[in-house]
Amino acid sequence: MSRCFTHDSRAALTALDRLDELTADLLLPGHGEPFTEGVRTATRQARRFGVH
């Protein structure tokens, strides 16, 4: 999570726990291409990239 997009990067990463509860296979991020690999794959990638 880029610090320029949030004031609390740690809270943003913690919010991923709530998203993990969803079962959607398709995510529409509002920019770029639709993400078709599922919520858990998206949150796993977000955690892996972490805060920078």
PDB file of N, CA and C in Angstrom:
ATOM      1  N   MET A   1       0.858  -1.164   0.000  1.00  0.00           N
ATOM      2  CA  MET A   1       0.000   0.000   0.000  1.00  0.00           C
ATOM      3  C   MET A   1       0.898   1.219   0.000  1.00  0.00           C
ATOM      4  N   SER A   2       0.810   2.002  -1.043  1.00  0.00           N
ATOM      5  CA  SER A   2       1.616   3.207  -1.120  1.00  0.00           C
ATOM      6  C   SER A   2       1.143   4.222  -0.089  1.00  0.00           C
ATOM      7  N   ARG A   3       2.061   4.787   0.631  1.00  0.00           N
ATOM      8  CA  ARG A   3       1.704   5.753   1.679  1.00  0.00           C
ATOM      9  C   ARG A   3       1.057   7.009   1.116  1.00  0.00           C
ATOM     10  N   CYS A   4       1.236   7.266  -0.175  1.00  0.00           N
ATOM     11  CA  CYS A   4       0.610   8.464  -0.749  1.00  0.00           C
ATOM     12  C   CYS A   4      -0.895   8.280  -0.937  1.00  0.00           C
ATOM     13  N   PHE A   5      -1.406   7.063  -0.767  1.00  0.00           N
ATOM     14  CA  PHE A   5      -2.829   6.803  -0.956  1.00  0.00           C
ATOM     15  C   PHE A   5      -3.604   6.619   0.344  1.00  0.00           C
ATOM     16  N   THR A   6      -2.922   6.614   1.480  1.00  0.00           N
ATOM     17  CA  THR A   6      -3.605   6.415   2.754  1.00  0.00           C
ATOM     18  C   THR A   6      -2.822   7.089   3.878  1.00  0.00           C
ATOM     19  N   HIS A   7      -3.517   7.474   4.909  1.00  0.00           N
ATOM     20  CA  HIS A   7      -2.860   8.061   6.078  1.00  0.00           C
ATOM     21  C   HIS A   7      -2.457   6.992   7.081  1.00  0.00           C
ATOM     22  N   ASP A   8      -3.048   5.802   6.960  1.00  0.00           N
ATOM     23  CA  ASP A   8      -2.782   4.728   7.917  1.00  0.00           C
ATOM     24  C   ASP A   8      -2.588   3.419   7.161  1.00  0.00           C
ATOM     25  N   SER A   9      -1.381   3.190   6.702  1.00  0.00           N
ATOM     26  CA  SER A   9      -1.084   2.004   5.904  1.00  0.00           C
ATOM     27  C   SER A   9      -1.332   0.710   6.667  1.00  0.00           C
ATOM     28  N   ARG A  10      -1.037   0.726   7.948  1.00  0.00           N
ATOM     29  CA  ARG A  10      -1.239  -0.480   8.759  1.00  0.00           C
ATOM     30  C   ARG A  10      -2.723  -0.843   8.825  1.00  0.00           C
ATOM     31  N   ALA A  11      -3.578   0.151   8.992  1.00  0.00           N
ATOM     32  CA  ALA A  11      -5.023  -0.094   9.022  1.00  0.00           C
ATOM     33  C   ALA A  11      -5.517  -0.574   7.655  1.00  0.00           C
ATOM     34  N   ALA A  12      -4.940  -0.033   6.594  1.00  0.00           N
ATOM     35  CA  ALA A  12      -5.340  -0.461   5.250  1.00  0.00           C
ATOM     36  C   ALA A  12      -5.009  -1.936   5.039  1.00  0.00           C
ATOM     37  N   LEU A  13      -3.840  -2.351   5.490  1.00  0.00           N
ATOM     38  CA  LEU A  13      -3.475  -3.764   5.366  1.00  0.00           C
ATOM     39  C   LEU A  13      -4.357  -4.643   6.249  1.00  0.00           C
ATOM     40  N   THR A  14      -4.703  -4.166   7.435  1.00  0.00           N
ATOM     41  CA  THR A  14      -5.588  -4.913   8.328  1.00  0.00           C
ATOM     42  C   THR A  14      -6.977  -5.076   7.707  1.00  0.00           C
ATOM     43  N   ALA A  15      -7.415  -4.079   6.955  1.00  0.00           N
ATOM     44  CA  ALA A  15      -8.729  -4.148   6.301  1.00  0.00           C
ATOM     45  C   ALA A  15      -8.802  -5.296   5.294  1.00  0.00           C
ATOM     46  N   LEU A  16      -7.660  -5.763   4.837  1.00  0.00           N
ATOM     47  CA  LEU A  16      -7.658  -6.897   3.911  1.00  0.00           C
ATOM     48  C   LEU A  16      -8.265  -8.145   4.556  1.00  0.00           C
ATOM     49  N   ASP A  17      -8.166  -8.257   5.875  1.00  0.00           N
ATOM     50  CA  ASP A  17      -8.761  -9.396   6.580  1.00  0.00           C
ATOM     51  C   ASP A  17     -10.265  -9.473   6.316  1.00  0.00           C
ATOM     52  N   ARG A  18     -10.931  -8.329   6.301  1.00  0.00           N
ATOM     53  CA  ARG A  18     -12.375  -8.286   6.044  1.00  0.00           C
ATOM     54  C   ARG A  18     -12.678  -8.688   4.603  1.00  0.00           C
ATOM     55  N   LEU A  19     -11.831  -8.257   3.684  1.00  0.00           N
ATOM     56  CA  LEU A  19     -12.045  -8.609   2.284  1.00  0.00           C
ATOM     57  C   LEU A  19     -11.891 -10.109   2.060  1.00  0.00           C
ATOM     58  N   ASP A  20     -11.024 -10.741   2.841  1.00  0.00           N
ATOM     59  CA  ASP A  20     -10.829 -12.196   2.719  1.00  0.00           C
ATOM     60  C   ASP A  20     -12.113 -12.974   2.970  1.00  0.00           C
ATOM     61  N   GLU A  21     -13.058 -12.368   3.665  1.00  0.00           N
ATOM     62  CA  GLU A  21     -14.324 -13.043   3.963  1.00  0.00           C
ATOM     63  C   GLU A  21     -15.240 -13.125   2.739  1.00  0.00           C
ATOM     64  N   LEU A  22     -14.954 -12.330   1.711  1.00  0.00           N
ATOM     65  CA  LEU A  22     -15.782 -12.312   0.507  1.00  0.00           C
ATOM     66  C   LEU A  22     -15.443 -13.502  -0.389  1.00  0.00           C
ATOM     67  N   THR A  23     -16.383 -13.907  -1.197  1.00  0.00           N
ATOM     68  CA  THR A  23     -16.180 -15.056  -2.079  1.00  0.00           C
ATOM     69  C   THR A  23     -16.182 -14.686  -3.559  1.00  0.00           C
ATOM     70  N   ALA A  24     -16.101 -13.416  -3.881  1.00  0.00           N
ATOM     71  CA  ALA A  24     -16.159 -12.973  -5.275  1.00  0.00           C
ATOM     72  C   ALA A  24     -14.937 -13.449  -6.058  1.00  0.00           C
ATOM     73  N   ASP A  25     -15.175 -13.833  -7.294  1.00  0.00           N
ATOM     74  CA  ASP A  25     -14.090 -14.209  -8.192  1.00  0.00           C
ATOM     75  C   ASP A  25     -13.659 -13.038  -9.065  1.00  0.00           C
ATOM     76  N   LEU A  26     -14.507 -12.017  -9.163  1.00  0.00           N
ATOM     77  CA  LEU A  26     -14.238 -10.874 -10.021  1.00  0.00           C
ATOM     78  C   LEU A  26     -14.203  -9.600  -9.190  1.00  0.00           C
ATOM     79  N   LEU A  27     -13.114  -8.847  -9.333  1.00  0.00           N
ATOM     80  CA  LEU A  27     -12.976  -7.565  -8.642  1.00  0.00           C
ATOM     81  C   LEU A  27     -12.873  -6.470  -9.700  1.00  0.00           C
ATOM     82  N   LEU A  28     -13.613  -5.395  -9.493  1.00  0.00           N
ATOM     83  CA  LEU A  28     -13.568  -4.244 -10.385  1.00  0.00           C
ATOM     84  C   LEU A  28     -12.948  -3.093  -9.601  1.00  0.00           C
ATOM     85  N   PRO A  29     -11.645  -2.878  -9.752  1.00  0.00           N
ATOM     86  CA  PRO A  29     -10.930  -1.928  -8.902  1.00  0.00           C
ATOM     87  C   PRO A  29     -11.226  -0.456  -9.165  1.00  0.00           C
ATOM     88  N   GLY A  30     -11.906  -0.129 -10.243  1.00  0.00           N
ATOM     89  CA  GLY A  30     -12.172   1.273 -10.547  1.00  0.00           C
ATOM     90  C   GLY A  30     -11.116   1.876 -11.455  1.00  0.00           C
ATOM     91  N   HIS A  31     -10.070   1.141 -11.710  1.00  0.00           N
ATOM     92  CA  HIS A  31      -9.030   1.544 -12.660  1.00  0.00           C
ATOM     93  C   HIS A  31      -8.363   0.277 -13.170  1.00  0.00           C
ATOM     94  N   GLY A  32      -7.886   0.312 -14.360  1.00  0.00           N
ATOM     95  CA  GLY A  32      -7.229  -0.864 -14.921  1.00  0.00           C
ATOM     96  C   GLY A  32      -8.227  -1.956 -15.290  1.00  0.00           C
ATOM     97  N   GLU A  33      -7.691  -3.107 -15.577  1.00  0.00           N
ATOM     98  CA  GLU A  33      -8.497  -4.250 -15.994  1.00  0.00           C
ATOM     99  C   GLU A  33      -9.164  -4.919 -14.794  1.00  0.00           C
ATOM    100  N   PRO A  34     -10.308  -5.574 -15.009  1.00  0.00           N
ATOM    101  CA  PRO A  34     -10.930  -6.362 -13.937  1.00  0.00           C
ATOM    102  C   PRO A  34      -9.952  -7.431 -13.440  1.00  0.00           C
ATOM    103  N   PHE A  35      -9.981  -7.694 -12.154  1.00  0.00           N
ATOM    104  CA  PHE A  35      -9.129  -8.715 -11.555  1.00  0.00           C
ATOM    105  C   PHE A  35      -9.961  -9.988 -11.447  1.00  0.00           C
ATOM    106  N   THR A  36      -9.560 -11.042 -12.131  1.00  0.00           N
ATOM    107  CA  THR A  36     -10.378 -12.251 -12.230  1.00  0.00           C
ATOM    108  C   THR A  36      -9.816 -13.440 -11.459  1.00  0.00           C
ATOM    109  N   GLU A  37      -8.865 -13.202 -10.587  1.00  0.00           N
ATOM    110  CA  GLU A  37      -8.243 -14.309  -9.854  1.00  0.00           C
ATOM    111  C   GLU A  37      -8.773 -14.467  -8.438  1.00  0.00           C
ATOM    112  N   GLY A  38      -9.822 -13.740  -8.095  1.00  0.00           N
ATOM    113  CA  GLY A  38     -10.453 -13.897  -6.792  1.00  0.00           C
ATOM    114  C   GLY A  38      -9.932 -12.959  -5.721  1.00  0.00           C
ATOM    115  N   VAL A  39     -10.757 -12.806  -4.699  1.00  0.00           N
ATOM    116  CA  VAL A  39     -10.447 -11.887  -3.609  1.00  0.00           C
ATOM    117  C   VAL A  39      -9.196 -12.317  -2.853  1.00  0.00           C
ATOM    118  N   ARG A  40      -9.105 -13.582  -2.522  1.00  0.00           N
ATOM    119  CA  ARG A  40      -7.965 -14.024  -1.705  1.00  0.00           C
ATOM    120  C   ARG A  40      -6.636 -13.877  -2.424  1.00  0.00           C
ATOM    121  N   THR A  41      -6.635 -14.071  -3.715  1.00  0.00           N
ATOM    122  CA  THR A  41      -5.407 -13.852  -4.480  1.00  0.00           C
ATOM    123  C   THR A  41      -5.038 -12.378  -4.449  1.00  0.00           C
ATOM    124  N   ALA A  42      -6.029 -11.505  -4.578  1.00  0.00           N
ATOM    125  CA  ALA A  42      -5.784 -10.063  -4.547  1.00  0.00           C
ATOM    126  C   ALA A  42      -5.250  -9.624  -3.185  1.00  0.00           C
ATOM    127  N   THR A  43      -5.857 -10.110  -2.110  1.00  0.00           N
ATOM    128  CA  THR A  43      -5.396  -9.700  -0.784  1.00  0.00           C
ATOM    129  C   THR A  43      -4.022 -10.291  -0.474  1.00  0.00           C
ATOM    130  N   ARG A  44      -3.766 -11.491  -0.954  1.00  0.00           N
ATOM    131  CA  ARG A  44      -2.446 -12.102  -0.762  1.00  0.00           C
ATOM    132  C   ARG A  44      -1.374 -11.260  -1.459  1.00  0.00           C
ATOM    133  N   GLN A  45      -1.668 -10.816  -2.678  1.00  0.00           N
ATOM    134  CA  GLN A  45      -0.718  -9.973  -3.402  1.00  0.00           C
ATOM    135  C   GLN A  45      -0.513  -8.643  -2.684  1.00  0.00           C
ATOM    136  N   ALA A  46      -1.587  -8.063  -2.189  1.00  0.00           N
ATOM    137  CA  ALA A  46      -1.474  -6.785  -1.474  1.00  0.00           C
ATOM    138  C   ALA A  46      -0.599  -6.935  -0.234  1.00  0.00           C
ATOM    139  N   ARG A  47      -0.775  -8.021   0.481  1.00  0.00           N
ATOM    140  CA  ARG A  47       0.058  -8.246   1.679  1.00  0.00           C
ATOM    141  C   ARG A  47       1.514  -8.473   1.298  1.00  0.00           C
ATOM    142  N   ARG A  48       1.732  -9.191   0.203  1.00  0.00           N
ATOM    143  CA  ARG A  48       3.090  -9.485  -0.230  1.00  0.00           C
ATOM    144  C   ARG A  48       3.814  -8.185  -0.613  1.00  0.00           C
ATOM    145  N   PHE A  49       3.120  -7.287  -1.307  1.00  0.00           N
ATOM    146  CA  PHE A  49       3.735  -6.009  -1.669  1.00  0.00           C
ATOM    147  C   PHE A  49       3.880  -5.107  -0.458  1.00  0.00           C
ATOM    148  N   GLY A  50       2.953  -5.239   0.492  1.00  0.00           N
ATOM    149  CA  GLY A  50       3.042  -4.513   1.753  1.00  0.00           C
ATOM    150  C   GLY A  50       3.036  -3.006   1.613  1.00  0.00           C
ATOM    151  N   VAL A  51       3.634  -2.361   2.587  1.00  0.00           N
ATOM    152  CA  VAL A  51       3.682  -0.902   2.646  1.00  0.00           C
ATOM    153  C   VAL A  51       5.005  -0.435   2.056  1.00  0.00           C
ATOM    154  N   HIS A  52       4.925   0.551   1.206  1.00  0.00           N
ATOM    155  CA  HIS A  52       6.160   1.133   0.653  1.00  0.00           C
ATOM    156  C   HIS A  52       6.017   2.612   0.473  1.00  0.00           C
TER     157      HIS A  52
END
